[in-house]
Amino acid sequence: MRINTTKILIITFILLLGSGWSALLAQVEEHGRSADVIINEIKREQSVGTIVEINPDRVDTELLEELGDAVMGLMITDETRHEWVDEMLGGESPEQLDSTHRWMGYQYL
């Protein structure tokens, strides 16, 4: 009996959701990529092998912002609290939150 590839993918997806992956996927979708993934992208862009070799002044501002948000996620693991802190830091000005995330990313590097 031959099993259809689509059926295998659907069954795999259902099993992953049932084993708790949905929470992980929701977090990744909400706050983007992990700090490790972003760091690896920056290392590739700068052709360096380690984080200490990264020149933070050469990192794109959007990547710094994304890294800062990921670093905040490492410090504040509870999604509700992370959202609350984002709101407190951004308030009426999304640029203020973006600036804070960029600063956190820069400091992390």
Protein backbone atom coordinates (compact mmCIF):
# COMPACT_ATOMS: atom_id res chain seq x y z
CA MET A 1 0.00 0.00 0.00
CA ARG A 2 1.41 3.37 -1.03
CA ILE A 3 0.92 6.33 1.34
CA ASN A 4 0.36 9.76 -0.13
CA THR A 5 3.05 12.36 0.79
CA THR A 6 0.36 14.94 1.60
CA LYS A 7 -1.23 12.56 4.11
CA ILE A 8 2.14 12.04 5.78
CA LEU A 9 2.65 15.81 6.06
CA ILE A 10 -0.82 16.31 7.52
CA ILE A 11 -0.35 13.54 10.07
CA THR A 12 3.07 14.92 11.04
CA PHE A 13 1.63 18.39 11.46
CA ILE A 14 -1.19 17.11 13.68
CA LEU A 15 1.28 15.18 15.82
CA LEU A 16 3.49 18.22 16.24
CA LEU A 17 0.55 20.36 17.30
CA GLY A 18 -0.54 17.69 19.75
CA SER A 19 2.88 17.52 21.36
CA GLY A 20 3.05 21.17 22.37
CA TRP A 21 4.67 22.66 19.30
CA SER A 22 1.76 25.03 18.78
CA ALA A 23 2.87 27.15 21.74
CA LEU A 24 6.40 27.36 20.36
CA LEU A 25 5.16 28.24 16.88
CA ALA A 26 2.86 30.94 18.30
CA GLN A 27 5.77 32.54 20.17
CA VAL A 28 8.01 32.50 17.11
CA GLU A 29 5.24 34.07 15.03
CA GLU A 30 4.54 36.70 17.69
CA HIS A 31 8.07 37.87 18.35
CA GLY A 32 10.02 36.62 15.37
CA ARG A 33 13.22 34.64 15.19
CA SER A 34 15.45 33.55 18.04
CA ALA A 35 18.55 35.50 19.03
CA ASP A 36 20.75 32.62 17.84
CA VAL A 37 19.23 32.67 14.36
CA ILE A 38 19.66 36.45 14.11
CA ILE A 39 23.25 36.29 15.38
CA ASN A 40 24.04 33.64 12.77
CA GLU A 41 22.62 35.86 10.04
CA ILE A 42 24.73 38.79 11.23
CA LYS A 43 27.85 36.59 11.35
CA ARG A 44 27.20 35.46 7.77
CA GLU A 45 26.65 39.04 6.60
CA GLN A 46 29.91 40.19 8.20
CA SER A 47 31.83 37.01 7.29
CA VAL A 48 32.91 36.37 10.87
CA GLY A 49 32.98 33.18 12.90
CA THR A 50 32.10 34.34 16.40
CA ILE A 51 29.87 36.89 18.08
CA VAL A 52 32.90 38.76 19.47
CA GLU A 53 34.03 39.47 15.91
CA ILE A 54 30.75 41.19 15.01
CA ASN A 55 31.00 44.94 14.52
CA PRO A 56 27.69 46.24 15.94
CA ASP A 57 28.12 49.52 14.07
CA ARG A 58 27.82 47.62 10.77
CA VAL A 59 24.59 45.78 11.68
CA ASP A 60 21.43 46.89 9.87
CA THR A 61 19.07 48.78 12.19
CA GLU A 62 16.20 46.39 11.46
CA LEU A 63 18.37 43.42 12.48
CA LEU A 64 19.44 45.23 15.66
CA GLU A 65 15.80 45.88 16.46
CA GLU A 66 14.86 42.25 15.82
CA LEU A 67 17.81 41.05 17.90
CA GLY A 68 16.84 43.36 20.77
CA ASP A 69 13.29 41.98 20.77
CA ALA A 70 14.69 38.43 20.79
CA VAL A 71 17.05 39.28 23.66
CA MET A 72 14.12 40.75 25.59
CA GLY A 73 12.32 37.47 24.96
CA LEU A 74 15.25 35.62 26.55
CA MET A 75 14.99 37.82 29.66
CA ILE A 76 11.18 37.87 29.83
CA THR A 77 10.01 34.40 28.91
CA ASP A 78 6.35 34.95 29.76
CA GLU A 79 4.62 36.18 26.60
CA THR A 80 2.06 38.31 28.48
CA ARG A 81 4.77 40.08 30.46
CA HIS A 82 6.84 40.59 27.33
CA GLU A 83 3.86 42.30 25.68
CA TRP A 84 3.31 44.41 28.80
CA VAL A 85 6.96 45.54 28.85
CA ASP A 86 6.79 46.31 25.12
CA GLU A 87 3.74 48.48 25.79
CA MET A 88 5.43 50.24 28.70
CA LEU A 89 8.56 50.93 26.65
CA GLY A 90 6.68 51.99 23.54
CA GLY A 91 3.66 53.70 24.99
CA GLU A 92 2.33 56.19 22.50
CA SER A 93 5.46 56.04 20.38
CA PRO A 94 6.34 52.84 18.52
CA GLU A 95 9.64 54.51 17.58
CA GLN A 96 10.59 54.59 21.27
CA LEU A 97 10.09 50.80 21.52
CA ASP A 98 12.00 50.26 18.28
CA SER A 99 14.84 52.42 19.60
CA THR A 100 14.93 50.46 22.86
CA HIS A 101 15.05 47.17 20.98
CA ARG A 102 17.91 48.49 18.81
CA TRP A 103 19.81 49.58 21.94
CA MET A 104 19.29 46.15 23.54
CA GLY A 105 20.51 44.42 20.37
CA TYR A 106 23.57 46.67 20.19
CA GLN A 107 24.41 46.07 23.86
CA TYR A 108 23.98 42.32 23.42
CA LEU A 109 26.58 42.33 20.67
